Protein backbone atom coordinates (compact mmCIF):
# COMPACT_ATOMS: atom_id res chain seq x y z
CA UNK A 1 2.96 -13.13 61.12
CA UNK A 2 0.10 -10.75 61.99
CA UNK A 3 -3.51 -10.98 60.88
CA UNK A 4 -6.15 -8.36 60.25
CA UNK A 5 -9.78 -8.43 61.33
CA UNK A 6 -10.76 -10.58 58.29
CA UNK A 7 -8.41 -13.35 59.30
CA UNK A 8 -6.04 -12.83 56.36
CA UNK A 9 -2.40 -12.10 56.82
CA UNK A 10 -1.34 -8.53 56.07
CA UNK A 11 0.79 -9.50 53.03
CA UNK A 12 -2.20 -11.34 51.58
CA UNK A 13 -4.37 -8.32 52.26
CA UNK A 14 -1.96 -6.05 50.41
CA UNK A 15 -1.89 -8.43 47.40
CA UNK A 16 -5.68 -8.52 47.27
CA UNK A 17 -5.83 -4.73 47.36
CA UNK A 18 -3.28 -4.46 44.53
CA UNK A 19 -5.26 -6.92 42.44
CA UNK A 20 -8.42 -4.86 42.92
CA UNK A 21 -6.66 -1.68 41.87
CA UNK A 22 -5.24 -3.40 38.77
CA UNK A 23 -8.66 -4.74 37.80
CA UNK A 24 -10.17 -1.25 38.05
CA UNK A 25 -7.33 0.23 35.98
CA UNK A 26 -7.76 -2.37 33.26
CA UNK A 27 -11.50 -1.78 33.19
CA UNK A 28 -11.05 1.98 32.84
CA UNK A 29 -8.42 1.45 30.15
CA UNK A 30 -10.82 -0.72 28.20
CA UNK A 31 -13.55 1.92 28.50
CA UNK A 32 -11.10 4.54 27.29
CA UNK A 33 -10.31 2.48 24.19
CA UNK A 34 -14.02 2.11 23.45
CA UNK A 35 -14.62 5.84 23.87
CA UNK A 36 -11.69 6.57 21.57
CA UNK A 37 -13.23 4.44 18.81
CA UNK A 38 -10.81 1.57 19.18
CA UNK A 39 -13.56 -0.93 18.44
CA UNK A 40 -14.39 0.61 15.06
CA UNK A 41 -12.63 -0.79 12.00
CA UNK A 42 -11.35 1.51 9.27
CA UNK A 43 -12.90 0.78 5.83
CA UNK A 44 -10.27 -0.98 3.72
CA UNK A 45 -9.89 -0.82 -0.05
CA UNK A 46 -7.86 -2.75 -2.61
CA UNK A 47 -6.27 -2.07 -6.00
CA UNK A 48 -7.20 -4.22 -8.96
CA UNK A 49 -5.02 -5.45 -11.79
CA UNK A 50 -6.27 -4.85 -15.36
CA UNK A 51 -7.14 -8.06 -17.16
CA UNK A 52 -8.63 -7.33 -20.58
CA UNK A 53 -5.47 -6.54 -22.54
CA UNK A 54 -2.47 -8.20 -24.18
CA UNK A 55 1.22 -7.36 -24.25
CA UNK A 56 3.81 -7.90 -27.01
CA UNK A 57 6.35 -10.68 -26.72
CA UNK A 58 9.79 -9.62 -27.84
CA UNK A 59 11.88 -12.57 -26.67
CA UNK A 60 12.35 -15.22 -24.02
CA UNK A 61 14.01 -13.12 -21.32
CA UNK A 62 12.99 -13.28 -17.66
CA UNK A 63 12.05 -10.07 -15.87
CA UNK A 64 11.74 -9.75 -12.09
CA UNK A 65 9.74 -6.98 -10.45
CA UNK A 66 11.48 -5.29 -7.56
CA UNK A 67 9.67 -3.62 -4.65
CA UNK A 68 8.86 0.01 -5.52
CA UNK A 69 10.61 2.81 -3.69
CA UNK A 70 8.53 5.63 -2.24
CA UNK A 71 8.81 8.56 0.12
CA UNK A 72 7.59 7.90 3.64
CA UNK A 73 4.35 9.77 2.95
CA UNK A 74 3.42 7.06 0.41
CA UNK A 75 4.99 4.10 2.21
CA UNK A 76 1.88 3.41 4.25
CA UNK A 77 -1.61 1.92 4.14
CA UNK A 78 -3.11 5.41 4.35
CA UNK A 79 -4.50 7.12 1.25
CA UNK A 80 -2.81 10.39 0.32
CA UNK A 81 -4.78 13.57 -0.37
CA UNK A 82 -3.20 16.82 -1.63
CA UNK A 83 -5.56 19.69 -0.74
CA UNK A 84 -3.05 22.28 -2.00
CA UNK A 85 0.28 22.21 -3.87
CA UNK A 86 2.96 20.96 -1.51
CA UNK A 87 0.45 20.07 1.22
CA UNK A 88 -0.16 16.44 2.19
CA UNK A 89 -2.88 14.88 4.31
CA UNK A 90 -4.66 11.53 4.38
CA UNK A 91 -8.15 10.41 3.51
CA UNK A 92 -10.31 10.07 6.60
CA UNK A 93 -11.85 6.69 7.40
CA UNK A 94 -10.18 4.80 4.52
CA UNK A 95 -7.03 2.76 4.00
CA UNK A 96 -5.39 0.40 1.51
CA UNK A 97 -5.34 -3.33 2.20
CA UNK A 98 -1.51 -3.25 2.53
CA UNK A 99 1.35 -0.76 2.45
CA UNK A 100 1.15 0.94 -0.94
CA UNK A 101 4.56 -0.22 -2.32
CA UNK A 102 3.78 -3.87 -1.52
CA UNK A 103 0.28 -3.54 -2.95
CA UNK A 104 1.57 -1.85 -6.11
CA UNK A 105 4.22 -4.55 -6.65
CA UNK A 106 1.67 -7.35 -6.26
CA UNK A 107 -0.79 -5.78 -8.71
CA UNK A 108 1.95 -4.98 -11.23
CA UNK A 109 3.07 -8.63 -11.28
CA UNK A 110 -0.57 -9.67 -11.64
CA UNK A 111 -0.93 -7.24 -14.55
CA UNK A 112 2.02 -8.87 -16.35
CA UNK A 113 0.39 -12.25 -15.77
CA UNK A 114 -2.95 -11.00 -17.08
CA UNK A 115 -1.19 -9.65 -20.17
CA UNK A 116 0.06 -13.17 -21.01
CA UNK A 117 3.57 -12.65 -19.67
CA UNK A 118 3.21 -14.85 -16.60
CA UNK A 119 5.93 -17.31 -17.66
CA UNK A 120 8.49 -14.55 -18.16
CA UNK A 121 7.90 -12.41 -15.07
CA UNK A 122 8.58 -13.06 -11.38
CA UNK A 123 9.10 -11.35 -8.07
CA UNK A 124 12.54 -10.14 -7.02
CA UNK A 125 13.87 -12.20 -4.12
CA UNK A 126 12.25 -15.47 -5.26
CA UNK A 127 15.61 -16.92 -6.34
CA UNK A 128 14.94 -16.60 -10.08
CA UNK A 129 17.83 -16.24 -12.54
CA UNK A 130 16.59 -13.06 -14.18
CA UNK A 131 17.80 -11.32 -17.31
CA UNK A 132 16.32 -7.98 -16.27
CA UNK A 133 14.99 -6.25 -13.17
CA UNK A 134 12.19 -3.71 -13.22
CA UNK A 135 12.67 -0.96 -10.65
CA UNK A 136 10.00 1.62 -9.93
CA UNK A 137 9.59 4.75 -7.86
CA UNK A 138 6.13 5.94 -6.77
CA UNK A 139 6.10 9.69 -7.33
CA UNK A 140 2.39 10.36 -6.86
CA UNK A 141 -0.42 8.04 -5.83
CA UNK A 142 -3.51 9.61 -4.38
CA UNK A 143 -6.17 12.28 -4.66
CA UNK A 144 -5.68 15.95 -5.54
CA UNK A 145 -8.32 18.49 -4.56
CA UNK A 146 -6.39 21.74 -4.96
CA UNK A 147 -8.51 23.14 -7.83
CA UNK A 148 -11.85 22.57 -6.16
CA UNK A 149 -12.47 19.19 -7.78
CA UNK A 150 -11.24 15.75 -6.84
CA UNK A 151 -8.85 13.98 -9.21
CA UNK A 152 -6.83 10.81 -8.79
CA UNK A 153 -3.19 11.12 -9.84
CA UNK A 154 -0.78 8.22 -10.30
CA UNK A 155 2.79 8.87 -11.45
CA UNK A 156 5.51 6.21 -11.50
CA UNK A 157 9.11 6.29 -12.71
CA UNK A 158 10.24 2.92 -14.10
CA UNK A 159 13.67 1.56 -15.07
CA UNK A 160 14.68 -1.77 -16.60
CA UNK A 161 18.15 -2.87 -15.50
CA UNK A 162 20.13 -5.57 -17.32
CA UNK A 163 21.34 -8.20 -14.85
CA UNK A 164 24.49 -9.00 -16.85
CA UNK A 165 25.83 -5.43 -16.87
CA UNK A 166 23.89 -3.58 -14.18
CA UNK A 167 23.16 -0.87 -16.73
CA UNK A 168 19.80 0.79 -17.28
CA UNK A 169 18.40 -0.64 -20.50
CA UNK A 170 15.31 1.57 -20.61
CA UNK A 171 13.58 4.20 -18.49
CA UNK A 172 10.23 5.96 -18.63
CA UNK A 173 7.78 7.93 -16.49
CA UNK A 174 4.12 6.91 -16.56
CA UNK A 175 1.31 9.15 -15.44
CA UNK A 176 -2.48 8.87 -15.46
CA UNK A 177 -5.37 10.79 -13.93
CA UNK A 178 -9.03 10.03 -13.33
CA UNK A 179 -11.86 12.18 -11.96
CA UNK A 180 -13.31 11.27 -8.57
CA UNK A 181 -17.02 11.77 -7.86
CA UNK A 182 -16.20 12.81 -4.28
CA UNK A 183 -13.57 12.49 -1.58
CA UNK A 184 -15.32 9.59 0.12
CA UNK A 185 -13.36 6.35 0.50
CA UNK A 186 -15.28 4.41 -2.20
CA UNK A 187 -15.23 7.25 -4.77
CA UNK A 188 -11.61 8.21 -4.13
CA UNK A 189 -10.24 4.68 -4.31
CA UNK A 190 -12.35 3.90 -7.39
CA UNK A 191 -10.73 6.83 -9.21
CA UNK A 192 -7.21 5.97 -7.99
CA UNK A 193 -7.77 2.36 -9.10
CA UNK A 194 -8.82 3.54 -12.58
CA UNK A 195 -5.69 5.70 -12.91
CA UNK A 196 -3.42 2.93 -11.64
CA UNK A 197 -4.97 0.42 -14.07
CA UNK A 198 -4.03 2.71 -16.94
CA UNK A 199 -0.48 2.97 -15.63
CA UNK A 200 -0.23 -0.80 -15.14
CA UNK A 201 -1.23 -1.46 -18.77
CA UNK A 202 1.24 1.12 -20.08
CA UNK A 203 4.10 -0.29 -17.99
CA UNK A 204 3.40 -3.89 -19.03
CA UNK A 205 3.22 -3.06 -22.74
CA UNK A 206 6.29 -0.81 -22.59
CA UNK A 207 8.40 -3.31 -20.64
CA UNK A 208 7.21 -6.34 -22.63
CA UNK A 209 8.59 -4.90 -25.84
CA UNK A 210 12.06 -4.78 -24.27
CA UNK A 211 12.69 -8.30 -23.01
């Protein structure tokens, strides 16, 4: 084994040099992340579930709420903005607290519970013996700015499927809009939340009269 002028063996010297290079690389990588804004958190917003309403009780059936389907553009935490017909972008510096389909499902179940249907509604996949399943498809859920003003638009297609036959017992499309004061995260999500609250109430009352 040979030694260099520092008294270390050459293999040890090479390992030390590699470690120094790695440390420098990691340091530069960390600086790059800081310069790219990696240390800044994106403001996060939530949907609420309406609470000051009641729903009719038709019978004693059990309804389970399935996870909504949605196109990939809506299946995300990002908040959709339509600046022109057929054009999709996302709100800058704002996001939902979860992927939109999961968030919508959670708030819809909560809306049924707030409308006094908690004992007759559950979540699909929880092992409940359900009489009906509510399926939904998120068609629109975001902000539209194509006409020069900002407006929240929520549109959802809903079907109730009978578990015994697999047939569609009822189907409806629900749509609501609400003006937004601006396209900032707080104003945009406040308007979208108002529109979604209206849709939640309509879905709960419509579905509750059918099971």
